[in-house]
Amino acid sequence: MSAGLRMDLILRNVKLRPAMAGLDGSFSQYVAFLQGMDTGSRLHGPGLLEEFPEWLAARTGYGANLPWWSLILIVVFPGWDASRPAGTMSAAEEEAAVDGLFQLLAEFLGIGLEKLEQ
């Protein structure tokens, strides 16, 4: 990833002001945004989410063959049915999923969570 990109600032801004990035603030929209960031970052080296699925798999005890967003839902909602579409979440589940997504991402990237909430 380019040394000029401050991932903590990008993630904080998109979390606090999702509409600025054309997002509606839903879990699935954040997943799509992060997938795009990962794909774009792979043009210049390791992707933003390089080894993230393996890291999540180690936390959950599930295989890294599940998509990383399913693994996040399993961490946030123990017993989550990985075949359940994310778009079927209630508003409270959406909020918890988004909070869990950013908490886990901050932990993985070594970014203090407080930097994403200022």
C-alpha atoms as a PDB file:
ATOM      1  CA  MET A   1       0.000   0.000   0.000  1.00  0.00           C
ATOM      2  CA  SER A   2       1.260   3.475  -0.766  1.00  0.00           C
ATOM      3  CA  ALA A   3       3.101   5.144   2.090  1.00  0.00           C
ATOM      4  CA  GLY A   4       1.048   8.279   1.402  1.00  0.00           C
ATOM      5  CA  LEU A   5      -2.243   6.640   2.403  1.00  0.00           C
ATOM      6  CA  ARG A   6      -3.230   7.017   6.057  1.00  0.00           C
ATOM      7  CA  MET A   7      -5.507   4.038   6.478  1.00  0.00           C
ATOM      8  CA  ASP A   8      -6.648   5.205   9.908  1.00  0.00           C
ATOM      9  CA  LEU A   9      -7.905   8.483   8.393  1.00  0.00           C
ATOM     10  CA  ILE A  10      -9.589   6.798   5.442  1.00  0.00           C
ATOM     11  CA  LEU A  11     -11.378   4.294   7.672  1.00  0.00           C
ATOM     12  CA  ARG A  12     -12.347   6.924  10.235  1.00  0.00           C
ATOM     13  CA  ASN A  13     -13.806   9.214   7.594  1.00  0.00           C
ATOM     14  CA  VAL A  14     -15.766   6.472   5.874  1.00  0.00           C
ATOM     15  CA  LYS A  15     -17.068   5.168   9.219  1.00  0.00           C
ATOM     16  CA  LEU A  16     -18.141   8.583  10.500  1.00  0.00           C
ATOM     17  CA  ARG A  17     -19.373   9.940   7.154  1.00  0.00           C
ATOM     18  CA  PRO A  18     -20.329   7.003   4.925  1.00  0.00           C
ATOM     19  CA  ALA A  19     -22.280   9.195   2.498  1.00  0.00           C
ATOM     20  CA  MET A  20     -19.018  10.985   1.684  1.00  0.00           C
ATOM     21  CA  ALA A  21     -17.932   7.726  -0.002  1.00  0.00           C
ATOM     22  CA  GLY A  22     -21.349   7.078  -1.531  1.00  0.00           C
ATOM     23  CA  LEU A  23     -22.266   4.504   1.139  1.00  0.00           C
ATOM     24  CA  ASP A  24     -25.503   4.126   3.070  1.00  0.00           C
ATOM     25  CA  GLY A  25     -23.777   2.978   6.280  1.00  0.00           C
ATOM     26  CA  SER A  26     -24.914  -0.640   6.021  1.00  0.00           C
ATOM     27  CA  PHE A  27     -22.661  -3.601   6.678  1.00  0.00           C
ATOM     28  CA  SER A  28     -22.879  -4.789   3.069  1.00  0.00           C
ATOM     29  CA  GLN A  29     -21.941  -1.346   1.727  1.00  0.00           C
ATOM     30  CA  TYR A  30     -18.881  -1.184   3.986  1.00  0.00           C
ATOM     31  CA  VAL A  31     -17.911  -4.689   2.851  1.00  0.00           C
ATOM     32  CA  ALA A  32     -18.122  -3.595  -0.801  1.00  0.00           C
ATOM     33  CA  PHE A  33     -16.054  -0.470  -0.059  1.00  0.00           C
ATOM     34  CA  LEU A  34     -13.362  -2.476   1.743  1.00  0.00           C
ATOM     35  CA  GLN A  35     -13.281  -5.066  -1.043  1.00  0.00           C
ATOM     36  CA  GLY A  36     -12.648  -2.231  -3.489  1.00  0.00           C
ATOM     37  CA  MET A  37      -9.921  -0.779  -1.276  1.00  0.00           C
ATOM     38  CA  ASP A  38      -8.313  -4.212  -1.042  1.00  0.00           C
ATOM     39  CA  THR A  39      -8.445  -4.770  -4.789  1.00  0.00           C
ATOM     40  CA  GLY A  40      -7.016  -1.337  -5.523  1.00  0.00           C
ATOM     41  CA  SER A  41      -4.238  -1.711  -2.977  1.00  0.00           C
ATOM     42  CA  ARG A  42      -3.148  -5.015  -4.569  1.00  0.00           C
ATOM     43  CA  LEU A  43      -2.023  -3.060  -7.639  1.00  0.00           C
ATOM     44  CA  HIS A  44       0.926  -1.759  -5.622  1.00  0.00           C
ATOM     45  CA  GLY A  45       1.738  -4.646  -3.275  1.00  0.00           C
ATOM     46  CA  PRO A  46      -0.045  -6.611  -0.601  1.00  0.00           C
ATOM     47  CA  GLY A  47      -3.730  -5.844  -0.307  1.00  0.00           C
ATOM     48  CA  LEU A  48      -5.317  -3.980   2.566  1.00  0.00           C
ATOM     49  CA  LEU A  49      -7.000  -7.203   3.675  1.00  0.00           C
ATOM     50  CA  GLU A  50      -4.016  -9.484   3.013  1.00  0.00           C
ATOM     51  CA  GLU A  51      -4.178 -12.297   5.586  1.00  0.00           C
ATOM     52  CA  PHE A  52      -7.363 -10.849   7.143  1.00  0.00           C
ATOM     53  CA  PRO A  53      -9.425 -13.990   6.377  1.00  0.00           C
ATOM     54  CA  GLU A  54      -6.761 -16.196   7.972  1.00  0.00           C
ATOM     55  CA  TRP A  55      -6.585 -13.917  11.011  1.00  0.00           C
ATOM     56  CA  LEU A  56     -10.371 -14.039  11.418  1.00  0.00           C
ATOM     57  CA  ALA A  57     -10.414 -17.813  10.851  1.00  0.00           C
ATOM     58  CA  ALA A  58      -7.927 -18.258  13.703  1.00  0.00           C
ATOM     59  CA  ARG A  59     -10.240 -16.229  15.978  1.00  0.00           C
ATOM     60  CA  THR A  60     -13.369 -18.134  15.040  1.00  0.00           C
ATOM     61  CA  GLY A  61     -12.066 -21.653  14.596  1.00  0.00           C
ATOM     62  CA  TYR A  62     -13.682 -21.729  11.145  1.00  0.00           C
ATOM     63  CA  GLY A  63     -11.746 -22.146   7.928  1.00  0.00           C
ATOM     64  CA  ALA A  64     -10.446 -19.256   5.882  1.00  0.00           C
ATOM     65  CA  ASN A  65     -12.510 -20.674   3.024  1.00  0.00           C
ATOM     66  CA  LEU A  66     -15.439 -18.589   4.308  1.00  0.00           C
ATOM     67  CA  PRO A  67     -15.497 -14.978   3.086  1.00  0.00           C
ATOM     68  CA  TRP A  68     -14.057 -12.549   5.610  1.00  0.00           C
ATOM     69  CA  TRP A  69     -17.407 -10.762   6.013  1.00  0.00           C
ATOM     70  CA  SER A  70     -19.051 -14.027   7.087  1.00  0.00           C
ATOM     71  CA  LEU A  71     -16.274 -14.580   9.615  1.00  0.00           C
ATOM     72  CA  ILE A  72     -16.904 -11.107  11.035  1.00  0.00           C
ATOM     73  CA  LEU A  73     -20.585 -11.907  11.480  1.00  0.00           C
ATOM     74  CA  ILE A  74     -19.620 -15.154  13.243  1.00  0.00           C
ATOM     75  CA  VAL A  75     -17.401 -13.185  15.659  1.00  0.00           C
ATOM     76  CA  VAL A  76     -20.049 -10.518  16.281  1.00  0.00           C
ATOM     77  CA  PHE A  77     -22.964 -12.958  16.480  1.00  0.00           C
ATOM     78  CA  PRO A  78     -21.782 -16.303  17.867  1.00  0.00           C
ATOM     79  CA  GLY A  79     -23.832 -19.023  16.224  1.00  0.00           C
ATOM     80  CA  TRP A  80     -24.442 -16.915  13.096  1.00  0.00           C
ATOM     81  CA  ASP A  81     -25.610 -19.032  10.164  1.00  0.00           C
ATOM     82  CA  ALA A  82     -22.988 -18.231   7.503  1.00  0.00           C
ATOM     83  CA  SER A  83     -25.523 -19.029   4.783  1.00  0.00           C
ATOM     84  CA  ARG A  84     -27.849 -16.235   5.988  1.00  0.00           C
ATOM     85  CA  PRO A  85     -27.612 -13.197   3.699  1.00  0.00           C
ATOM     86  CA  ALA A  86     -26.245 -10.110   5.459  1.00  0.00           C
ATOM     87  CA  GLY A  87     -29.069  -8.044   3.940  1.00  0.00           C
ATOM     88  CA  THR A  88     -31.583  -9.763   6.233  1.00  0.00           C
ATOM     89  CA  MET A  89     -30.238  -8.152   9.412  1.00  0.00           C
ATOM     90  CA  SER A  90     -32.382  -5.958  11.633  1.00  0.00           C
ATOM     91  CA  ALA A  91     -31.310  -2.346  12.249  1.00  0.00           C
ATOM     92  CA  ALA A  92     -29.782  -3.337  15.612  1.00  0.00           C
ATOM     93  CA  GLU A  93     -27.903  -6.225  13.980  1.00  0.00           C
ATOM     94  CA  GLU A  94     -26.646  -3.905  11.229  1.00  0.00           C
ATOM     95  CA  GLU A  95     -25.303  -1.473  13.811  1.00  0.00           C
ATOM     96  CA  ALA A  96     -23.596  -4.248  15.787  1.00  0.00           C
ATOM     97  CA  ALA A  97     -22.155  -5.747  12.588  1.00  0.00           C
ATOM     98  CA  VAL A  98     -20.714  -2.399  11.454  1.00  0.00           C
ATOM     99  CA  ASP A  99     -19.240  -1.736  14.915  1.00  0.00           C
ATOM    100  CA  GLY A 100     -17.745  -5.228  14.966  1.00  0.00           C
ATOM    101  CA  LEU A 101     -16.368  -4.812  11.451  1.00  0.00           C
ATOM    102  CA  PHE A 102     -14.488  -1.650  12.351  1.00  0.00           C
ATOM    103  CA  GLN A 103     -13.343  -2.998  15.712  1.00  0.00           C
ATOM    104  CA  LEU A 104     -11.893  -6.146  14.126  1.00  0.00           C
ATOM    105  CA  LEU A 105     -10.395  -4.242  11.212  1.00  0.00           C
ATOM    106  CA  ALA A 106      -8.727  -1.754  13.564  1.00  0.00           C
ATOM    107  CA  GLU A 107      -7.333  -4.602  15.639  1.00  0.00           C
ATOM    108  CA  PHE A 108      -6.045  -6.430  12.549  1.00  0.00           C
ATOM    109  CA  LEU A 109      -4.421  -3.314  11.094  1.00  0.00           C
ATOM    110  CA  GLY A 110      -2.973  -2.234  14.445  1.00  0.00           C
ATOM    111  CA  ILE A 111      -4.962   0.994  14.437  1.00  0.00           C
ATOM    112  CA  GLY A 112      -6.323   2.169  17.763  1.00  0.00           C
ATOM    113  CA  LEU A 113     -10.113   1.969  17.645  1.00  0.00           C
ATOM    114  CA  GLU A 114     -10.304   5.427  19.213  1.00  0.00           C
ATOM    115  CA  LYS A 115      -8.711   6.806  16.031  1.00  0.00           C
ATOM    116  CA  LEU A 116     -11.755   5.571  14.105  1.00  0.00           C
ATOM    117  CA  GLU A 117     -14.262   7.176  16.468  1.00  0.00           C
ATOM    118  CA  GLN A 118     -12.938  10.714  16.873  1.00  0.00           C
END
